[in-house]
Amino acid sequence: MDQRYQNCIIQVVRRFSPDHWGANEQTVWSTAKCLNRSGIHTAVFATSALCTPGRETRDEIEINRFNYFYPQIGLNKHKSRQLDLKGGNPYSASLLRALLKTPCRVVHCHTHSRLAAGVRVIAKLKNIPYIVSLNSGAFAMPQSEHENLTTARESWIRYGFALDRLFKPKMVLEDAGGIICPSYDEFVAVRKAYPLKPSLYLPVGIDPTPFDVNVKLDIKKKYGIEANKFVLLCSGRIDNQKNQRLLIDLLSHFTAEAPGSFHLILMGHLANPDYFKALKRQISALKLDQHVTWSGNLQHNSEELIACYQQADALIIPSTHDPMGLPVLEAWANRLPVIAAKTGALNSLLDDQHTGLLFDPLCKGDIESAVRTLRAQPALRARIIEKGAVKLKQRFLWKHHIQKLRSFYEEIEVLHASHAKSRLIC
């Protein structure tokens, strides 16, 4: 075995598909690259959801994708893909076998369900610590989102009870060496639930360098948007949780009031086909087809994605639940003002009236007021842009993220070693 694996930290994630790249994948990837550059070898272990099983190396990072299964009867390819896109809770025997054979210091789980339950068992066998990142917002998740995920997972006959009794997913957080929370609300909830366990509030980070370019692509020309329109950009997967339907209602109201004044760009991969169909029906029923553009699943840091950020007039995030808030940082990196719902990481990242505007996602009047305010007050817009750019450089670069993460790893390793020593003495 390569000696560098003795200093290895393995990142475990449910899915690692370049074609469906989200904040979770970006966090895993950037973490791995930063750790590698600092001399700590890092490998990514994931299921082969939306990908092909196997091993590949990118930027000197080893990515391993393993076969997996959902312990539910009656899953055809379509239903399995739905779970792959969102809400899937799989087991992977081959991932656990590989983890057992691979020497490492720490395992970092970017999931807290069945995959992490398997990691828990392997970590105990190997006598190493594991850490869990709550990137899905388990503690701060609203009831409606819990119900959506539960419906997706339980709509077919399950047979995983025996495996669950063996691996005990409910013990994942209890036995974890430490817990990482990307949103402050989540961090407070974790501290309350596990007051004696090491926990860390660690917001997502970003590398602004790829955005520091002047793209030649004219988004308004490409999408057929009139030059004088106020363009609202919504970046996030197409899913109930992202609440794009609120923006369609908002656009309908503005279009009735001032025809031809606004245009909406929806940018993100398709996570919920049924929700997407409902959105399209809503747009057609309100006769808004010419005022809405679907930019689709753009590759991270692509010219088109950067052009959308640089040439829109505002980023608007209406999510009912957002545990990470990566689009906020992307907007700050592109000097785009942000209007966002008061929820999850969005509420933690933004200072209302200073680095962005916050609104109540359950109040239509609140979001209307925020958009009007930003459009009518150029001085406020300029101040928000400047303060957002400053806050990004001071607190949310990857160098800040990785410094805190490395210190947390070291803390967990020391605690694990001291507990192991005390057990031997006893």
Protein backbone atom coordinates (compact mmCIF):
# COMPACT_ATOMS: atom_id res chain seq x y z
CA MET A 1 0.00 0.00 0.00
CA ASP A 2 1.22 3.51 -0.87
CA GLN A 3 2.79 5.11 2.22
CA ARG A 4 0.81 8.31 1.69
CA TYR A 5 -2.33 6.42 2.73
CA GLN A 6 -0.97 6.31 6.29
CA ASN A 7 -1.61 10.06 6.35
CA CYS A 8 -4.90 9.76 4.44
CA ILE A 9 -8.25 11.31 5.23
CA ILE A 10 -11.11 9.71 3.31
CA GLN A 11 -14.09 11.82 2.29
CA VAL A 12 -17.30 9.77 2.01
CA VAL A 13 -20.22 11.24 0.06
CA ARG A 14 -23.48 9.73 -1.18
CA ARG A 15 -23.05 10.90 -4.77
CA PHE A 16 -20.16 12.44 -6.70
CA SER A 17 -21.41 13.14 -10.21
CA PRO A 18 -19.90 15.96 -12.29
CA ASP A 19 -23.18 16.22 -14.23
CA HIS A 20 -25.15 16.89 -11.04
CA TRP A 21 -22.70 19.05 -9.14
CA GLY A 22 -24.04 20.79 -6.06
CA ALA A 23 -22.76 22.47 -2.92
CA ASN A 24 -22.08 19.13 -1.24
CA GLU A 25 -19.92 17.85 -4.10
CA GLN A 26 -18.15 21.21 -4.36
CA THR A 27 -17.35 21.12 -0.64
CA VAL A 28 -15.96 17.58 -0.84
CA TRP A 29 -13.90 18.37 -3.93
CA SER A 30 -12.46 21.64 -2.65
CA THR A 31 -11.71 20.08 0.75
CA ALA A 32 -9.83 17.22 -0.92
CA LYS A 33 -7.77 19.54 -3.13
CA CYS A 34 -6.86 21.89 -0.27
CA LEU A 35 -5.84 19.01 1.99
CA ASN A 36 -3.72 17.47 -0.77
CA ARG A 37 -1.94 20.77 -1.37
CA SER A 38 -1.16 20.99 2.35
CA GLY A 39 0.43 17.53 2.35
CA ILE A 40 -2.50 15.46 3.63
CA HIS A 41 -3.43 12.78 1.12
CA THR A 42 -7.19 12.65 0.53
CA ALA A 43 -9.37 10.20 -1.35
CA VAL A 44 -13.06 10.43 -2.22
CA PHE A 45 -15.31 7.40 -1.66
CA ALA A 46 -18.82 7.63 -3.12
CA THR A 47 -21.56 5.48 -4.57
CA SER A 48 -21.80 5.26 -8.35
CA ALA A 49 -25.17 7.08 -8.33
CA LEU A 50 -25.57 8.85 -11.71
CA CYS A 51 -22.07 7.61 -12.63
CA THR A 52 -20.20 4.42 -13.52
CA PRO A 53 -18.51 2.34 -10.79
CA GLY A 54 -14.72 2.48 -10.79
CA ARG A 55 -11.68 4.53 -9.92
CA GLU A 56 -10.36 7.69 -11.51
CA THR A 57 -7.81 10.37 -10.65
CA ARG A 58 -8.43 14.08 -11.16
CA ASP A 59 -6.00 16.79 -10.05
CA GLU A 60 -4.11 14.09 -8.13
CA ILE A 61 -7.28 13.23 -6.17
CA GLU A 62 -8.32 9.58 -6.23
CA ILE A 63 -12.07 9.19 -6.71
CA ASN A 64 -13.59 5.78 -6.00
CA ARG A 65 -17.20 5.02 -6.94
CA PHE A 66 -18.82 1.84 -5.67
CA ASN A 67 -21.87 -0.24 -6.43
CA TYR A 68 -24.78 0.39 -4.06
CA PHE A 69 -28.39 -0.59 -3.49
CA TYR A 70 -31.57 0.76 -1.97
CA PRO A 71 -33.18 -1.86 0.32
CA GLN A 72 -36.61 -1.40 -1.25
CA ILE A 73 -38.60 -3.81 -3.39
CA GLY A 74 -40.05 -2.74 -6.73
CA LEU A 75 -37.50 -0.12 -7.73
CA ASN A 76 -37.12 0.16 -11.49
CA LYS A 77 -34.50 2.37 -13.19
CA HIS A 78 -36.78 5.40 -13.17
CA LYS A 79 -37.55 5.11 -9.47
CA SER A 80 -33.93 4.45 -8.59
CA ARG A 81 -32.88 7.54 -10.54
CA GLN A 82 -35.37 9.61 -8.57
CA LEU A 83 -33.67 8.48 -5.37
CA ASP A 84 -30.24 9.08 -6.91
CA LEU A 85 -31.22 12.66 -7.70
CA LYS A 86 -32.56 13.36 -4.22
CA GLY A 87 -33.51 11.54 -1.06
CA GLY A 88 -31.69 8.28 -1.70
CA ASN A 89 -30.52 6.37 1.38
CA PRO A 90 -28.38 3.46 0.10
CA TYR A 91 -26.03 0.83 1.44
CA SER A 92 -22.78 -0.07 -0.31
CA ALA A 93 -20.98 -3.28 0.67
CA SER A 94 -18.09 -2.68 -1.75
CA LEU A 95 -17.48 0.82 -0.36
CA LEU A 96 -17.22 -0.61 3.16
CA ARG A 97 -14.87 -3.39 2.05
CA ALA A 98 -12.58 -0.84 0.41
CA LEU A 99 -12.73 1.39 3.48
CA LEU A 100 -11.77 -1.55 5.69
CA LYS A 101 -8.71 -2.31 3.53
CA THR A 102 -7.53 1.29 3.11
CA PRO A 103 -5.28 2.71 5.86
CA CYS A 104 -6.37 6.19 6.95
CA ARG A 105 -6.32 8.60 9.88
CA VAL A 106 -9.87 9.90 9.79
CA VAL A 107 -13.03 9.29 7.78
CA HIS A 108 -15.09 12.38 7.02
CA CYS A 109 -18.72 11.56 6.15
CA HIS A 110 -20.66 14.14 4.14
CA THR A 111 -23.81 12.11 4.81
CA HIS A 112 -25.37 10.98 8.05
CA SER A 113 -27.60 8.08 6.97
CA ARG A 114 -26.89 4.47 5.96
CA LEU A 115 -23.53 5.09 4.31
CA ALA A 116 -22.36 6.81 7.47
CA ALA A 117 -23.77 3.93 9.52
CA GLY A 118 -21.47 1.58 7.61
CA VAL A 119 -18.55 3.96 8.18
CA ARG A 120 -19.38 3.88 11.90
CA VAL A 121 -18.94 0.09 12.01
CA ILE A 122 -15.69 0.14 9.98
CA ALA A 123 -14.25 2.98 12.09
CA LYS A 124 -14.86 0.96 15.24
CA LEU A 125 -13.18 -2.09 13.70
CA LYS A 126 -10.16 -0.01 12.66
CA ASN A 127 -10.13 2.05 15.86
CA ILE A 128 -10.09 5.38 14.03
CA PRO A 129 -12.35 8.41 14.44
CA TYR A 130 -14.99 9.50 11.97
CA ILE A 131 -16.57 12.94 11.55
CA VAL A 132 -19.99 13.80 10.14
CA SER A 133 -20.89 16.95 8.18
CA LEU A 134 -24.59 17.77 8.29
CA ASN A 135 -24.65 19.16 4.75
CA SER A 136 -28.32 18.27 4.28
CA GLY A 137 -29.39 20.23 7.34
CA ALA A 138 -30.77 17.33 9.38
CA PHE A 139 -31.43 19.30 12.57
CA ALA A 140 -32.74 22.50 10.99
CA MET A 141 -34.81 20.83 8.26
CA PRO A 142 -38.46 22.00 8.15
CA GLN A 143 -41.19 19.40 8.59
CA SER A 144 -42.35 19.76 4.98
CA GLU A 145 -38.90 18.72 3.70
CA HIS A 146 -38.78 15.79 6.11
CA GLU A 147 -42.12 14.64 4.72
CA ASN A 148 -40.92 14.96 1.11
CA LEU A 149 -37.84 12.84 1.80
CA THR A 150 -39.81 10.28 3.79
CA THR A 151 -42.34 9.94 0.98
CA ALA A 152 -39.57 9.38 -1.57
CA ARG A 153 -37.92 6.70 0.55
CA GLU A 154 -41.02 4.85 1.73
CA SER A 155 -43.12 4.75 -1.41
CA TRP A 156 -41.89 1.21 -2.11
CA ILE A 157 -41.68 -1.89 0.10
CA ARG A 158 -38.54 -1.81 2.22
CA TYR A 159 -36.47 -4.77 3.39
CA GLY A 160 -33.61 -2.94 5.08
CA PHE A 161 -34.73 -3.47 8.66
CA ALA A 162 -32.21 -6.25 9.32
CA LEU A 163 -29.37 -4.16 7.89
CA ASP A 164 -30.51 -1.15 9.88
CA ARG A 165 -30.49 -3.24 13.07
CA LEU A 166 -26.95 -4.33 12.25
CA PHE A 167 -25.49 -0.96 11.23
CA LYS A 168 -27.70 1.26 13.45
CA PRO A 169 -28.01 4.51 11.44
CA LYS A 170 -29.55 6.23 14.47
CA MET A 171 -26.22 5.86 16.29
CA VAL A 172 -24.19 7.70 13.64
CA LEU A 173 -24.18 11.08 15.38
CA GLU A 174 -24.05 9.55 18.85
CA ASP A 175 -20.78 7.73 18.11
CA ALA A 176 -19.20 10.28 15.77
CA GLY A 177 -15.92 11.81 16.90
CA GLY A 178 -17.25 15.22 15.89
CA ILE A 179 -20.03 16.98 14.00
CA ILE A 180 -19.62 19.78 11.45
CA CYS A 181 -22.47 22.19 10.68
CA PRO A 182 -22.47 24.53 7.65
CA SER A 183 -25.31 26.66 9.07
CA TYR A 184 -25.33 28.37 12.47
CA ASP A 185 -28.92 27.31 13.28
CA GLU A 186 -27.82 23.71 12.79
CA PHE A 187 -24.77 24.26 14.99
CA VAL A 188 -26.91 25.59 17.84
CA ALA A 189 -29.25 22.59 17.56
CA VAL A 190 -26.34 20.14 17.57
CA ARG A 191 -24.75 21.78 20.61
CA LYS A 192 -28.06 21.44 22.43
CA ALA A 193 -28.52 17.78 21.43
CA TYR A 194 -24.86 16.75 22.01
CA PRO A 195 -23.41 19.23 24.53
CA LEU A 196 -20.33 17.09 25.29
CA LYS A 197 -19.45 16.23 21.69
CA PRO A 198 -16.98 18.34 19.67
CA SER A 199 -18.87 20.34 17.05
CA LEU A 200 -17.86 23.02 14.60
CA TYR A 201 -19.74 25.75 12.76
CA LEU A 202 -18.02 25.68 9.37
CA PRO A 203 -19.73 27.56 6.54
CA VAL A 204 -19.05 26.54 2.97
CA GLY A 205 -16.08 28.20 1.31
CA ILE A 206 -15.25 29.31 -2.22
CA ASP A 207 -12.35 30.03 -4.54
CA PRO A 208 -13.25 33.32 -6.29
CA THR A 209 -10.39 33.08 -8.81
CA PRO A 210 -12.38 31.36 -11.61
CA PHE A 211 -14.94 34.18 -11.45
CA ASP A 212 -12.33 36.91 -11.82
CA VAL A 213 -12.72 37.06 -15.59
CA ASN A 214 -14.62 39.17 -18.09
CA VAL A 215 -16.68 36.74 -20.12
CA LYS A 216 -17.48 37.54 -23.73
CA LEU A 217 -20.80 35.69 -23.79
CA ASP A 218 -23.81 38.04 -23.80
CA ILE A 219 -26.50 36.30 -21.77
CA LYS A 220 -29.31 38.62 -22.81
CA LYS A 221 -28.48 38.05 -26.46
CA LYS A 222 -28.12 34.27 -26.00
CA TYR A 223 -31.41 33.93 -24.11
CA GLY A 224 -33.32 36.52 -26.14
CA ILE A 225 -33.85 38.90 -23.20
CA GLU A 226 -34.60 42.52 -23.98
CA ALA A 227 -31.77 44.87 -23.01
CA ASN A 228 -33.80 47.02 -20.58
CA LYS A 229 -35.21 44.17 -18.50
CA PHE A 230 -34.33 43.69 -14.82
CA VAL A 231 -32.95 40.16 -14.66
CA LEU A 232 -33.48 37.99 -11.58
CA LEU A 233 -31.24 34.94 -11.35
CA CYS A 234 -32.18 31.91 -9.25
CA SER A 235 -29.36 29.38 -8.81
CA GLY A 236 -30.28 26.02 -7.32
CA ARG A 237 -31.53 22.60 -8.28
CA ILE A 238 -35.11 22.36 -9.57
CA ASP A 239 -36.84 20.98 -6.50
CA ASN A 240 -39.62 21.74 -4.00
CA GLN A 241 -37.05 22.75 -1.41
CA LYS A 242 -35.74 25.55 -3.63
CA ASN A 243 -39.27 27.01 -3.89
CA GLN A 244 -39.01 28.44 -7.42
CA ARG A 245 -42.82 28.53 -7.57
CA LEU A 246 -42.72 31.60 -5.34
CA LEU A 247 -40.66 33.38 -8.01
CA ILE A 248 -43.19 32.51 -10.71
CA ASP A 249 -45.92 34.12 -8.61
CA LEU A 250 -43.66 37.12 -8.05
CA LEU A 251 -42.94 37.45 -11.77
CA SER A 252 -46.64 37.20 -12.58
CA HIS A 253 -47.39 40.04 -10.19
CA PHE A 254 -44.64 42.28 -11.58
CA THR A 255 -45.55 41.48 -15.19
CA ALA A 256 -49.21 42.40 -14.61
CA GLU A 257 -48.12 45.62 -12.93
CA ALA A 258 -45.36 46.62 -15.38
CA PRO A 259 -45.35 44.41 -18.50
CA GLY A 260 -41.90 43.63 -19.90
CA SER A 261 -39.94 44.94 -16.91
CA PHE A 262 -38.59 41.69 -15.42
CA HIS A 263 -37.05 38.43 -16.60
CA LEU A 264 -36.27 35.33 -14.55
CA ILE A 265 -33.40 32.90 -15.19
CA LEU A 266 -33.69 29.52 -13.45
CA MET A 267 -30.28 27.85 -13.27
CA GLY A 268 -29.73 24.39 -11.79
CA HIS A 269 -29.93 20.66 -12.39
CA LEU A 270 -33.24 18.82 -12.42
CA ALA A 271 -33.71 16.99 -9.11
CA ASN A 272 -37.48 16.56 -9.12
CA PRO A 273 -39.11 15.88 -12.52
CA ASP A 274 -42.67 16.15 -11.14
CA TYR A 275 -41.92 19.53 -9.61
CA PHE A 276 -40.35 20.66 -12.89
CA LYS A 277 -43.51 19.70 -14.80
CA ALA A 278 -45.63 21.59 -12.27
CA LEU A 279 -43.43 24.67 -12.70
CA LYS A 280 -43.80 24.54 -16.48
CA ARG A 281 -47.58 24.24 -16.17
CA GLN A 282 -47.63 27.21 -13.80
CA ILE A 283 -45.54 29.32 -16.19
CA SER A 284 -47.72 28.46 -19.17
CA ALA A 285 -50.95 29.06 -17.26
CA LEU A 286 -49.76 32.53 -16.27
CA LYS A 287 -48.51 33.24 -19.83
CA LEU A 288 -44.96 33.84 -18.63
CA ASP A 289 -43.06 31.63 -21.09
CA GLN A 290 -41.31 34.58 -22.76
CA HIS A 291 -40.29 35.99 -19.36
CA VAL A 292 -38.62 32.85 -17.97
CA THR A 293 -35.40 31.17 -19.16
CA TRP A 294 -34.25 27.69 -18.15
CA SER A 295 -30.47 27.72 -18.29
CA GLY A 296 -30.26 24.08 -17.27
CA ASN A 297 -27.50 22.26 -15.46
CA LEU A 298 -24.45 24.40 -16.19
CA GLN A 299 -21.00 23.04 -15.39
CA HIS A 300 -19.34 24.62 -12.38
CA ASN A 301 -17.26 27.66 -13.40
CA SER A 302 -18.43 27.42 -17.04
CA GLU A 303 -18.49 30.61 -19.10
CA GLU A 304 -22.29 30.55 -19.26
CA LEU A 305 -22.65 30.14 -15.49
CA ILE A 306 -20.23 33.00 -14.82
CA ALA A 307 -21.99 35.18 -17.41
CA CYS A 308 -25.33 34.60 -15.68
CA TYR A 309 -23.85 35.76 -12.37
CA GLN A 310 -22.05 38.75 -13.86
CA GLN A 311 -24.86 40.03 -16.06
CA ALA A 312 -27.97 39.45 -13.93
CA ASP A 313 -29.27 42.31 -11.77
CA ALA A 314 -29.83 40.26 -8.61
CA LEU A 315 -29.53 36.73 -7.29
CA ILE A 316 -32.77 35.69 -5.62
CA ILE A 317 -33.00 32.59 -3.40
CA PRO A 318 -36.52 31.67 -2.20
CA SER A 319 -35.59 28.32 -0.58
CA THR A 320 -37.69 26.97 2.27
CA HIS A 321 -34.58 25.13 3.47
CA ASP A 322 -30.96 25.84 2.51
CA PRO A 323 -28.25 24.30 4.71
CA MET A 324 -25.21 25.56 2.76
CA GLY A 325 -25.90 28.73 0.74
CA LEU A 326 -23.10 28.35 -1.84
CA PRO A 327 -24.86 30.58 -4.45
CA VAL A 328 -24.55 33.51 -2.02
CA LEU A 329 -20.76 33.21 -2.10
CA GLU A 330 -20.78 32.81 -5.88
CA ALA A 331 -22.84 35.98 -6.17
CA TRP A 332 -20.48 37.90 -3.89
CA ALA A 333 -17.53 36.68 -5.97
CA ASN A 334 -19.24 38.12 -9.08
CA ARG A 335 -20.36 41.36 -7.37
CA LEU A 336 -24.02 40.46 -7.72
CA PRO A 337 -26.43 41.63 -4.98
CA VAL A 338 -28.34 38.91 -3.13
CA ILE A 339 -31.98 38.70 -2.06
CA ALA A 340 -32.61 35.57 0.02
CA ALA A 341 -35.09 33.87 2.29
CA LYS A 342 -34.57 33.98 6.06
CA THR A 343 -33.76 30.30 6.42
CA GLY A 344 -30.84 28.00 7.23
CA ALA A 345 -27.40 29.07 6.07
CA LEU A 346 -28.85 32.01 4.13
CA ASN A 347 -29.84 33.62 7.40
CA SER A 348 -26.36 32.93 8.80
CA LEU A 349 -24.45 34.27 5.80
CA LEU A 350 -26.35 37.47 5.04
CA ASP A 351 -26.60 40.61 7.14
CA ASP A 352 -29.89 42.22 6.14
CA GLN A 353 -29.50 45.62 4.45
CA HIS A 354 -25.69 45.24 4.55
CA THR A 355 -24.50 42.19 2.59
CA GLY A 356 -27.90 41.36 1.12
CA LEU A 357 -31.65 41.63 1.61
CA LEU A 358 -33.58 38.99 3.56
CA PHE A 359 -37.28 38.18 3.26
CA ASP A 360 -39.82 35.84 4.83
CA PRO A 361 -40.33 32.98 2.30
CA LEU A 362 -43.93 32.58 3.49
CA CYS A 363 -44.81 36.22 2.78
CA LYS A 364 -45.27 37.28 -0.86
CA GLY A 365 -45.37 40.93 0.12
CA ASP A 366 -41.97 40.63 1.78
CA ILE A 367 -40.18 39.34 -1.33
CA GLU A 368 -41.90 41.95 -3.52
CA SER A 369 -40.72 44.69 -1.20
CA ALA A 370 -37.13 43.40 -1.25
CA VAL A 371 -36.97 43.37 -5.06
CA ARG A 372 -38.52 46.84 -5.33
CA THR A 373 -36.10 48.21 -2.73
CA LEU A 374 -33.03 46.87 -4.49
CA ARG A 375 -34.18 48.13 -7.88
CA ALA A 376 -35.14 51.60 -6.64
CA GLN A 377 -32.05 52.31 -4.52
CA PRO A 378 -28.78 52.25 -6.50
CA ALA A 379 -26.80 53.40 -3.45
CA LEU A 380 -28.10 50.46 -1.39
CA ARG A 381 -27.29 48.09 -4.24
CA ALA A 382 -23.72 49.40 -4.47
CA ARG A 383 -23.25 49.13 -0.70
CA ILE A 384 -24.54 45.55 -0.61
CA ILE A 385 -22.21 44.56 -3.45
CA GLU A 386 -19.17 46.11 -1.76
CA LYS A 387 -19.87 44.70 1.71
CA GLY A 388 -20.56 41.24 0.28
CA ALA A 389 -17.23 41.24 -1.56
CA VAL A 390 -15.38 42.32 1.59
CA LYS A 391 -17.08 39.69 3.77
CA LEU A 392 -16.25 36.99 1.24
CA LYS A 393 -12.53 37.81 1.30
CA GLN A 394 -12.42 38.12 5.07
CA ARG A 395 -14.30 34.94 6.06
CA PHE A 396 -15.29 32.59 3.26
CA LEU A 397 -12.26 31.74 1.18
CA TRP A 398 -11.16 28.12 1.14
CA LYS A 399 -8.01 28.98 3.09
CA HIS A 400 -10.24 30.02 6.01
CA HIS A 401 -12.36 26.88 5.69
CA ILE A 402 -9.45 24.45 5.51
CA GLN A 403 -7.57 26.01 8.45
CA LYS A 404 -10.55 25.43 10.73
CA LEU A 405 -11.16 21.96 9.30
CA ARG A 406 -7.56 20.81 9.82
CA SER A 407 -7.62 22.05 13.41
CA PHE A 408 -10.87 20.16 13.98
CA TYR A 409 -9.40 16.96 12.51
CA GLU A 410 -6.44 17.26 14.85
CA GLU A 411 -8.70 17.90 17.85
CA ILE A 412 -10.77 14.81 17.06
CA GLU A 413 -7.67 12.64 16.63
CA VAL A 414 -6.24 13.78 19.96
CA LEU A 415 -9.53 13.13 21.75
CA HIS A 416 -9.88 9.73 20.13
CA ALA A 417 -6.34 8.77 21.16
CA SER A 418 -6.90 9.95 24.75
CA HIS A 419 -10.16 7.99 25.00
CA ALA A 420 -8.44 4.88 23.64
CA LYS A 421 -5.63 5.32 26.19
CA SER A 422 -8.05 5.75 29.07
CA ARG A 423 -9.92 2.58 28.05
CA LEU A 424 -6.62 0.64 28.12
CA ILE A 425 -5.78 1.99 31.58
CA CYS A 426 -9.22 1.06 32.89
